[in-house]
Amino acid sequence: MNITITPAKLSGTVTPPPSKSQAHRLLIAAALAHGESTISNVALSQDIRATLRCLEELGAEFTVDGSTVAVRGMGANAMSPLRRLAYPRLDCGESGSTLRFLIPIALAVRGGGVFTGRGRLMDRPLKPYFDLFDAKGIFYEQKDGVLTVAGALPPGEHRLPGDVSSQFFSGLLFALPLLGSPSVLIPTTPLESEGYIQMTLQAMAHFGVEFPVSMSLPPQYYPQGNQTYRAASAVVEADWSQAAFWFAAGRLGNPVTAAGLDPYSSQWDRAVADQTLQLSGPGDVELDVSNCPDLAPPLAAMAALRAGETTHLANAARLRLKESDRLASIAAVLSALGADVEEGPDFLKIRGKRELTGGVKVDPFNDHRIAMMAAIAATRCVKPVTITGAECVAKSYPDFWDEYERLGGKIEKSE
């Protein structure tokens, strides 16, 4: 589907969708638990559907009623009979969270699994797990877009680099308490996106699984073994990373307000509120996005229209490993719209303008956040903008185009 946007001002109040990051974690903890749980305010985006699909293959059961998901957990524990079943086949779609969270969980619960995906998913880095598996004697094979893992995930000491993705830590944190004795999880480099690890720990604690965390830098994690997740009810918060696009709209002169956000949320992306303030003032600004890489596209849209000011998005190398190479795709799309963007190996340098030209067709590289960035930037273009493959927003924000139109956006859909 192509979307052609005729530049127009957006106006109104919008409640962002539920947090995808928090929903993944709460659904996984509920699926591992003994008993029946209820998770409310769940947006059934493509990524969340992938997690539900895979957790069913692992042994959980779900009943969906609107935005409420009733979960009958698999009762995973150190003596689980699920280990005697055949390896599950887990279709992770395009969800990196689903893949990375569930690899160690599948080892702990079922002794392994066969993982598939679409788009760039199976090309995204998994080396931290592979290095760990080499050290622990766990079999893995990645061939023709299929990953097979098999073996016993042992308790004990596990070491991972902290600067690739926090998702590797979250996957192990979910799995290690299910083993028969204590473990320790040690970052070998400083942690990036530590806020997402805290979100994982909060979800686990909500379902009755806790363990000490050292005060060292970086912290070390000490899960006790033989723990059991306990059923609970939870409500998913509104998503700060999606709200960021409406913050960007407001910064670009559209009177749009994002409602329903918790300013004390564990979501690290709440940083967008302070970052928007920084971009609202005069002078050059440098923003470190190492702990909030998903904010780079909306921040870049804001930066592109800071007339006469320069913005430096720094420590952004991990953006190259997302649904697209986001450093390249942000630069390509904003440049096509008329922005002044310099792409570096791990940064973007953006010199702001008063308006963008538009009048072009842009490809968001099948990346939901790039499509939404282009839509927000289009409000400040002189000429219409066409976004190809605009349906990619369904990965995380299925209602985005409906909300955009409700707020006054002028769009025309075509095949």
Protein backbone atom coordinates (compact mmCIF):
# COMPACT_ATOMS: atom_id res chain seq x y z
CA MET A 1 0.00 0.00 0.00
CA ASN A 2 1.21 3.50 -0.87
CA ILE A 3 0.20 6.55 1.14
CA THR A 4 0.32 10.02 -0.43
CA ILE A 5 0.32 12.83 2.11
CA THR A 6 -0.74 16.35 1.18
CA PRO A 7 0.98 18.55 3.76
CA ALA A 8 -1.47 19.73 6.40
CA LYS A 9 -1.32 20.58 10.07
CA LEU A 10 -2.24 17.86 12.58
CA SER A 11 -4.19 18.83 15.67
CA GLY A 12 -5.70 17.06 18.67
CA THR A 13 -5.02 14.59 21.45
CA VAL A 14 -3.89 11.03 20.83
CA THR A 15 -3.33 8.13 23.22
CA PRO A 16 -0.36 6.09 21.99
CA PRO A 17 -0.79 2.33 21.67
CA PRO A 18 0.20 0.04 24.54
CA SER A 19 3.90 -0.56 25.02
CA LYS A 20 5.10 -3.34 22.78
CA SER A 21 8.24 -3.78 24.89
CA GLN A 22 6.26 -4.21 28.10
CA ALA A 23 3.63 -6.43 26.48
CA HIS A 24 6.28 -8.88 25.22
CA ARG A 25 7.68 -9.22 28.73
CA LEU A 26 4.38 -9.53 30.59
CA LEU A 27 3.04 -12.12 28.13
CA ILE A 28 6.23 -14.19 28.38
CA ALA A 29 6.19 -14.15 32.18
CA ALA A 30 2.49 -15.08 32.22
CA ALA A 31 3.09 -17.88 29.71
CA LEU A 32 5.86 -19.36 31.89
CA ALA A 33 3.72 -19.13 35.04
CA HIS A 34 1.67 -21.75 36.79
CA GLY A 35 -2.02 -20.82 36.63
CA GLU A 36 -4.17 -18.32 34.76
CA SER A 37 -3.18 -14.69 34.22
CA THR A 38 -4.82 -11.71 32.56
CA ILE A 39 -2.89 -9.08 30.62
CA SER A 40 -4.96 -6.02 29.73
CA ASN A 41 -4.43 -3.21 27.22
CA VAL A 42 -2.50 -5.32 24.72
CA ALA A 43 -2.19 -4.05 21.14
CA LEU A 44 -2.09 -7.03 18.78
CA SER A 45 0.65 -5.70 16.52
CA GLN A 46 2.51 -8.10 14.24
CA ASP A 47 5.35 -8.41 16.75
CA ILE A 48 3.03 -9.23 19.65
CA ARG A 49 1.18 -11.78 17.53
CA ALA A 50 4.54 -13.40 16.80
CA THR A 51 5.27 -13.72 20.52
CA LEU A 52 1.81 -15.17 21.23
CA ARG A 53 2.20 -17.65 18.36
CA CYS A 54 5.58 -18.85 19.62
CA LEU A 55 4.52 -19.08 23.26
CA GLU A 56 1.60 -21.29 22.19
CA GLU A 57 4.07 -23.58 20.44
CA LEU A 58 6.07 -23.73 23.66
CA GLY A 59 3.03 -24.82 25.66
CA ALA A 60 0.99 -21.80 26.83
CA GLU A 61 -2.64 -21.13 25.89
CA PHE A 62 -4.21 -17.76 25.11
CA THR A 63 -7.72 -16.39 24.77
CA VAL A 64 -7.96 -12.93 23.23
CA ASP A 65 -10.94 -10.66 23.89
CA GLY A 66 -10.36 -7.26 22.36
CA SER A 67 -7.27 -5.86 24.04
CA THR A 68 -7.34 -8.35 26.93
CA VAL A 69 -5.36 -11.59 26.78
CA ALA A 70 -6.17 -14.43 29.18
CA VAL A 71 -3.15 -16.67 29.61
CA ARG A 72 -3.08 -20.27 30.80
CA GLY A 73 0.58 -20.67 31.69
CA MET A 74 2.72 -23.69 30.93
CA GLY A 75 3.95 -23.98 34.53
CA ALA A 76 7.61 -24.09 33.50
CA ASN A 77 10.04 -25.30 36.15
CA ALA A 78 13.25 -27.27 36.56
CA MET A 79 11.42 -30.61 36.33
CA SER A 80 8.98 -29.64 33.56
CA PRO A 81 7.65 -32.59 31.50
CA LEU A 82 7.57 -30.21 28.51
CA ARG A 83 11.24 -31.11 27.96
CA ARG A 84 10.15 -34.55 26.77
CA LEU A 85 8.14 -33.09 23.86
CA ALA A 86 9.44 -32.57 20.34
CA TYR A 87 11.30 -29.37 19.56
CA PRO A 88 8.83 -26.58 18.78
CA ARG A 89 8.90 -24.69 15.47
CA LEU A 90 8.81 -21.01 16.30
CA ASP A 91 7.90 -18.48 13.59
CA CYS A 92 9.12 -15.14 14.96
CA GLY A 93 7.89 -13.04 12.02
CA GLU A 94 10.04 -9.91 11.97
CA SER A 95 10.25 -9.54 15.75
CA GLY A 96 13.78 -9.35 17.13
CA SER A 97 12.42 -9.32 20.67
CA THR A 98 10.53 -12.57 20.09
CA LEU A 99 13.56 -14.32 18.63
CA ARG A 100 16.12 -13.20 21.18
CA PHE A 101 13.88 -13.61 24.22
CA LEU A 102 12.72 -17.09 23.30
CA ILE A 103 15.97 -18.80 22.28
CA PRO A 104 17.15 -19.42 25.88
CA ILE A 105 13.56 -19.93 27.05
CA ALA A 106 13.08 -22.70 24.47
CA LEU A 107 16.30 -24.34 25.68
CA ALA A 108 15.17 -24.16 29.32
CA VAL A 109 11.58 -25.28 28.70
CA ARG A 110 11.83 -27.68 25.77
CA GLY A 111 15.53 -28.43 25.33
CA GLY A 112 15.68 -26.47 22.08
CA GLY A 113 13.67 -25.25 19.14
CA VAL A 114 13.60 -24.42 15.44
CA PHE A 115 13.34 -20.67 14.75
CA THR A 116 12.31 -18.94 11.55
CA GLY A 117 11.55 -15.36 10.61
CA ARG A 118 10.97 -12.90 7.79
CA GLY A 119 12.57 -9.76 6.41
CA ARG A 120 15.98 -9.04 7.95
CA LEU A 121 15.22 -10.90 11.17
CA MET A 122 17.42 -13.97 10.71
CA ASP A 123 20.30 -11.76 9.58
CA ARG A 124 20.27 -9.71 12.78
CA PRO A 125 23.11 -10.46 15.22
CA LEU A 126 22.92 -13.58 17.38
CA LYS A 127 26.65 -13.95 18.01
CA PRO A 128 26.44 -13.31 21.78
CA TYR A 129 24.27 -16.42 22.09
CA PHE A 130 26.42 -18.42 19.68
CA ASP A 131 29.58 -17.63 21.63
CA LEU A 132 27.82 -18.62 24.84
CA PHE A 133 26.57 -21.86 23.26
CA ASP A 134 30.09 -22.70 22.08
CA ALA A 135 31.33 -22.30 25.65
CA LYS A 136 28.46 -24.36 27.12
CA GLY A 137 28.34 -27.16 24.55
CA ILE A 138 24.89 -26.26 23.20
CA PHE A 139 24.23 -27.22 19.58
CA TYR A 140 23.14 -24.55 17.10
CA GLU A 141 22.93 -24.39 13.34
CA GLN A 142 21.81 -21.47 11.20
CA LYS A 143 21.15 -22.38 7.59
CA ASP A 144 18.87 -21.00 4.87
CA GLY A 145 17.10 -18.65 7.27
CA VAL A 146 16.40 -21.34 9.87
CA LEU A 147 18.05 -21.51 13.29
CA THR A 148 18.06 -24.77 15.24
CA VAL A 149 19.22 -24.88 18.86
CA ALA A 150 19.34 -27.99 21.03
CA GLY A 151 20.76 -29.00 24.38
CA ALA A 152 20.61 -28.28 28.07
CA LEU A 153 20.96 -24.66 29.15
CA PRO A 154 23.16 -25.16 32.22
CA PRO A 155 23.03 -23.12 35.42
CA GLY A 156 26.21 -21.39 36.52
CA GLU A 157 28.17 -18.47 35.15
CA HIS A 158 27.09 -16.86 31.86
CA ARG A 159 28.96 -13.96 30.25
CA LEU A 160 27.63 -11.69 27.51
CA PRO A 161 28.79 -8.43 25.90
CA GLY A 162 26.61 -5.56 27.05
CA ASP A 163 26.92 -3.39 23.95
CA VAL A 164 25.11 -5.49 21.32
CA SER A 165 21.51 -5.72 22.56
CA SER A 166 19.83 -5.88 25.95
CA GLN A 167 17.49 -8.51 24.47
CA PHE A 168 20.15 -11.21 24.99
CA PHE A 169 20.22 -10.41 28.69
CA SER A 170 16.43 -10.38 28.94
CA GLY A 171 16.16 -13.79 27.27
CA LEU A 172 18.60 -15.34 29.74
CA LEU A 173 17.06 -13.54 32.71
CA PHE A 174 13.68 -15.11 31.88
CA ALA A 175 15.22 -18.59 31.49
CA LEU A 176 17.87 -18.94 34.22
CA PRO A 177 15.49 -19.01 37.25
CA LEU A 178 13.84 -22.12 35.73
CA LEU A 179 17.05 -24.14 36.04
CA GLY A 180 17.93 -26.47 38.90
CA SER A 181 20.52 -24.34 40.70
CA PRO A 182 21.77 -20.73 40.94
CA SER A 183 23.40 -18.79 38.11
CA VAL A 184 25.16 -15.50 37.54
CA LEU A 185 24.83 -13.34 34.44
CA ILE A 186 27.82 -11.07 33.88
CA PRO A 187 28.14 -8.29 31.27
CA THR A 188 31.65 -8.22 29.82
CA THR A 189 31.30 -4.65 28.50
CA PRO A 190 29.28 -1.64 29.68
CA LEU A 191 25.53 -2.14 29.26
CA GLU A 192 23.53 -0.24 26.67
CA SER A 193 19.74 0.00 26.93
CA GLU A 194 19.89 -1.05 30.58
CA GLY A 195 16.40 0.40 31.03
CA TYR A 196 14.99 -2.47 28.98
CA ILE A 197 16.66 -4.96 31.33
CA GLN A 198 15.02 -3.18 34.26
CA MET A 199 11.68 -3.57 32.47
CA THR A 200 12.33 -7.32 32.20
CA LEU A 201 13.19 -7.56 35.90
CA GLN A 202 10.01 -5.68 36.82
CA ALA A 203 7.88 -8.04 34.74
CA MET A 204 9.53 -11.07 36.34
CA ALA A 205 9.06 -9.66 39.83
CA HIS A 206 5.38 -9.02 39.08
CA PHE A 207 5.06 -12.76 38.40
CA GLY A 208 6.93 -13.79 41.54
CA VAL A 209 10.50 -14.28 40.30
CA GLU A 210 13.22 -12.14 41.86
CA PHE A 211 16.97 -12.26 42.32
CA PRO A 212 19.75 -9.98 43.54
CA VAL A 213 21.49 -7.48 41.30
CA SER A 214 24.95 -6.22 42.24
CA MET A 215 25.69 -2.52 42.62
CA SER A 216 28.75 -2.81 40.38
CA LEU A 217 29.10 -1.08 37.01
CA PRO A 218 28.03 -2.81 34.92
CA PRO A 219 25.69 -4.69 37.29
CA GLN A 220 25.74 -8.47 37.64
CA TYR A 221 22.60 -10.60 38.00
CA TYR A 222 22.25 -13.56 40.38
CA PRO A 223 19.12 -15.61 39.65
CA GLN A 224 18.39 -18.43 42.06
CA GLY A 225 17.32 -21.72 40.49
CA ASN A 226 14.17 -23.79 40.99
CA GLN A 227 11.91 -20.76 40.83
CA THR A 228 8.36 -20.79 39.48
CA TYR A 229 6.55 -17.92 37.85
CA ARG A 230 3.19 -17.31 39.56
CA ALA A 231 0.02 -16.18 37.77
CA ALA A 232 -0.91 -12.50 38.08
CA SER A 233 -2.86 -9.76 36.34
CA ALA A 234 -1.21 -6.77 34.70
CA VAL A 235 -2.04 -3.75 32.56
CA VAL A 236 0.27 -2.65 29.75
CA GLU A 237 1.32 1.00 29.81
CA ALA A 238 1.11 3.38 26.86
CA ASP A 239 4.19 3.21 24.63
CA TRP A 240 6.68 6.06 24.93
CA SER A 241 8.54 5.04 21.76
CA GLN A 242 5.36 5.47 19.70
CA ALA A 243 4.40 8.62 21.58
CA ALA A 244 7.72 10.04 20.38
CA PHE A 245 6.29 10.51 16.88
CA TRP A 246 3.50 12.68 18.31
CA PHE A 247 6.08 14.61 20.35
CA ALA A 248 7.86 15.18 17.04
CA ALA A 249 4.62 16.33 15.43
CA GLY A 250 4.16 18.86 18.21
CA ARG A 251 7.74 20.07 17.91
CA LEU A 252 7.20 20.62 14.16
CA GLY A 253 4.34 23.03 14.80
CA ASN A 254 1.39 20.64 14.91
CA PRO A 255 -0.70 21.16 18.08
CA VAL A 256 -0.78 17.44 18.98
CA THR A 257 -0.76 16.16 22.56
CA ALA A 258 0.09 12.59 23.59
CA ALA A 259 -2.08 11.45 26.51
CA GLY A 260 -2.06 8.51 28.90
CA LEU A 261 1.71 8.34 29.44
CA ASP A 262 3.31 7.48 32.78
CA PRO A 263 6.15 9.97 33.42
CA TYR A 264 7.64 7.52 35.94
CA SER A 265 7.50 4.56 33.56
CA SER A 266 10.30 2.00 33.43
CA GLN A 267 10.36 2.57 29.67
CA TRP A 268 13.70 4.19 28.86
CA ASP A 269 12.10 5.93 25.85
CA ARG A 270 10.39 8.37 28.22
CA ALA A 271 13.64 10.31 27.66
CA VAL A 272 11.94 11.76 24.56
CA ALA A 273 10.18 14.32 26.76
CA ASP A 274 13.49 15.85 27.88
CA GLN A 275 15.08 15.42 24.45
CA THR A 276 12.20 17.33 22.84
CA LEU A 277 12.81 20.19 25.25
CA GLN A 278 16.49 20.21 24.28
CA LEU A 279 15.57 20.35 20.60
CA SER A 280 13.11 23.17 21.26
CA GLY A 281 15.83 25.58 22.36
CA PRO A 282 18.48 27.44 20.41
CA GLY A 283 22.00 26.22 19.73
CA ASP A 284 23.59 23.02 18.58
CA VAL A 285 22.54 19.89 20.45
CA GLU A 286 24.13 16.44 20.87
CA LEU A 287 21.90 13.55 21.95
CA ASP A 288 23.25 10.16 23.00
CA VAL A 289 20.83 7.53 21.67
CA SER A 290 22.72 4.44 22.87
CA ASN A 291 20.06 3.72 25.50
CA CYS A 292 17.08 4.75 23.38
CA PRO A 293 17.84 3.80 19.75
CA ASP A 294 14.14 3.60 18.80
CA LEU A 295 13.86 7.34 19.38
CA ALA A 296 16.33 8.19 16.61
CA PRO A 297 13.74 8.46 13.78
CA PRO A 298 11.41 10.94 15.53
CA LEU A 299 14.38 12.86 16.94
CA ALA A 300 15.84 13.09 13.43
CA ALA A 301 12.54 14.49 12.11
CA MET A 302 12.62 17.18 14.81
CA ALA A 303 16.27 17.94 14.09
CA ALA A 304 15.66 18.32 10.36
CA LEU A 305 13.46 21.34 11.02
CA ARG A 306 15.47 23.19 13.67
CA ALA A 307 16.15 26.08 11.31
CA GLY A 308 19.79 27.12 11.42
CA GLU A 309 20.75 24.71 14.22
CA THR A 310 22.74 21.47 14.10
CA THR A 311 21.81 18.26 15.91
CA HIS A 312 24.20 15.35 16.44
CA LEU A 313 22.63 11.94 17.21
CA ALA A 314 25.57 10.10 18.75
CA ASN A 315 26.47 6.52 19.76
CA ALA A 316 23.99 5.17 17.24
CA ALA A 317 25.85 2.23 15.69
CA ARG A 318 23.18 -0.27 16.81
CA LEU A 319 20.67 1.45 14.55
CA ARG A 320 22.30 -0.38 11.66
CA LEU A 321 20.99 -3.67 13.08
CA LYS A 322 17.28 -2.86 13.23
CA GLU A 323 14.48 -3.69 10.76
CA SER A 324 16.50 -1.59 8.34
CA ASP A 325 19.94 -0.05 8.59
CA ARG A 326 18.34 2.90 10.33
CA LEU A 327 21.31 5.22 10.09
CA ALA A 328 21.21 4.78 6.32
CA SER A 329 17.41 4.78 5.99
CA ILE A 330 16.90 7.88 8.18
CA ALA A 331 19.51 9.72 6.14
CA ALA A 332 18.09 8.52 2.80
CA VAL A 333 14.44 9.37 3.55
CA LEU A 334 15.02 12.74 5.19
CA SER A 335 17.50 13.74 2.49
CA ALA A 336 14.96 12.83 -0.19
CA LEU A 337 12.45 15.11 1.53
CA GLY A 338 14.97 17.94 1.39
CA ALA A 339 16.75 17.74 4.75
CA ASP A 340 20.48 18.24 5.28
CA VAL A 341 21.69 14.97 6.83
CA GLU A 342 25.22 13.63 7.18
CA GLU A 343 25.54 9.92 7.95
CA GLY A 344 28.57 8.70 9.86
CA PRO A 345 29.57 5.21 11.02
CA ASP A 346 27.79 5.67 14.36
CA PHE A 347 26.13 9.08 14.15
CA LEU A 348 23.85 11.40 12.23
CA LYS A 349 24.63 15.09 11.88
CA ILE A 350 21.54 17.07 10.87
CA ARG A 351 21.56 20.75 9.95
CA GLY A 352 18.07 22.13 10.43
CA LYS A 353 16.00 23.93 7.81
CA ARG A 354 12.84 26.03 7.97
CA GLU A 355 10.89 23.66 5.72
CA LEU A 356 11.38 20.57 3.56
CA THR A 357 10.67 20.37 -0.14
CA GLY A 358 8.83 17.06 -0.46
CA GLY A 359 7.37 16.29 -3.86
CA VAL A 360 8.95 12.83 -3.87
CA LYS A 361 8.19 9.15 -3.40
CA VAL A 362 10.15 7.60 -0.52
CA ASP A 363 10.80 3.98 0.42
CA PRO A 364 10.79 3.34 4.19
CA PHE A 365 12.77 0.11 3.70
CA ASN A 366 9.96 -1.96 5.23
CA ASP A 367 10.71 -0.27 8.55
CA HIS A 368 7.72 0.88 10.60
CA ARG A 369 9.57 3.65 12.39
CA ILE A 370 10.98 5.09 9.16
CA ALA A 371 7.48 5.23 7.62
CA MET A 372 6.13 7.06 10.66
CA MET A 373 9.09 9.45 10.64
CA ALA A 374 8.39 10.30 7.00
CA ALA A 375 4.71 10.90 7.76
CA ILE A 376 5.49 13.36 10.55
CA ALA A 377 8.15 15.16 8.50
CA ALA A 378 5.68 15.45 5.60
CA THR A 379 3.59 17.89 7.64
CA ARG A 380 6.37 20.44 7.06
CA CYS A 381 6.96 19.72 3.38
CA VAL A 382 6.00 22.15 0.63
CA LYS A 383 4.82 19.45 -1.80
CA PRO A 384 3.03 16.11 -1.30
CA VAL A 385 4.98 13.03 -0.20
CA THR A 386 4.27 9.43 -1.18
CA ILE A 387 5.39 6.64 1.16
CA THR A 388 5.60 3.22 -0.46
CA GLY A 389 4.92 0.04 1.49
CA ALA A 390 3.21 2.13 4.16
CA GLU A 391 1.50 -0.93 5.65
CA CYS A 392 4.79 -1.70 7.44
CA VAL A 393 3.56 0.42 10.39
CA ALA A 394 1.43 -2.60 11.39
CA LYS A 395 4.56 -4.14 12.89
CA SER A 396 4.14 -1.94 15.95
CA TYR A 397 1.35 0.62 15.41
CA PRO A 398 -1.52 -0.87 13.35
CA ASP A 399 -3.76 2.19 13.86
CA PHE A 400 -1.16 4.80 12.96
CA TRP A 401 -2.70 5.89 9.64
CA ASP A 402 -6.19 6.03 11.16
CA GLU A 403 -4.89 8.25 13.95
CA TYR A 404 -2.95 10.42 11.50
CA GLU A 405 -6.10 10.99 9.46
CA ARG A 406 -8.22 11.61 12.58
CA LEU A 407 -5.81 14.35 13.63
CA GLY A 408 -6.34 16.12 10.28
CA GLY A 409 -3.74 14.46 8.11
CA LYS A 410 -4.64 14.43 4.42
CA ILE A 411 -3.78 11.03 3.00
CA GLU A 412 -4.67 9.06 -0.08
CA LYS A 413 -4.16 5.31 -0.23
CA SER A 414 -3.27 3.40 -3.40
CA GLU A 415 -1.85 0.04 -4.36
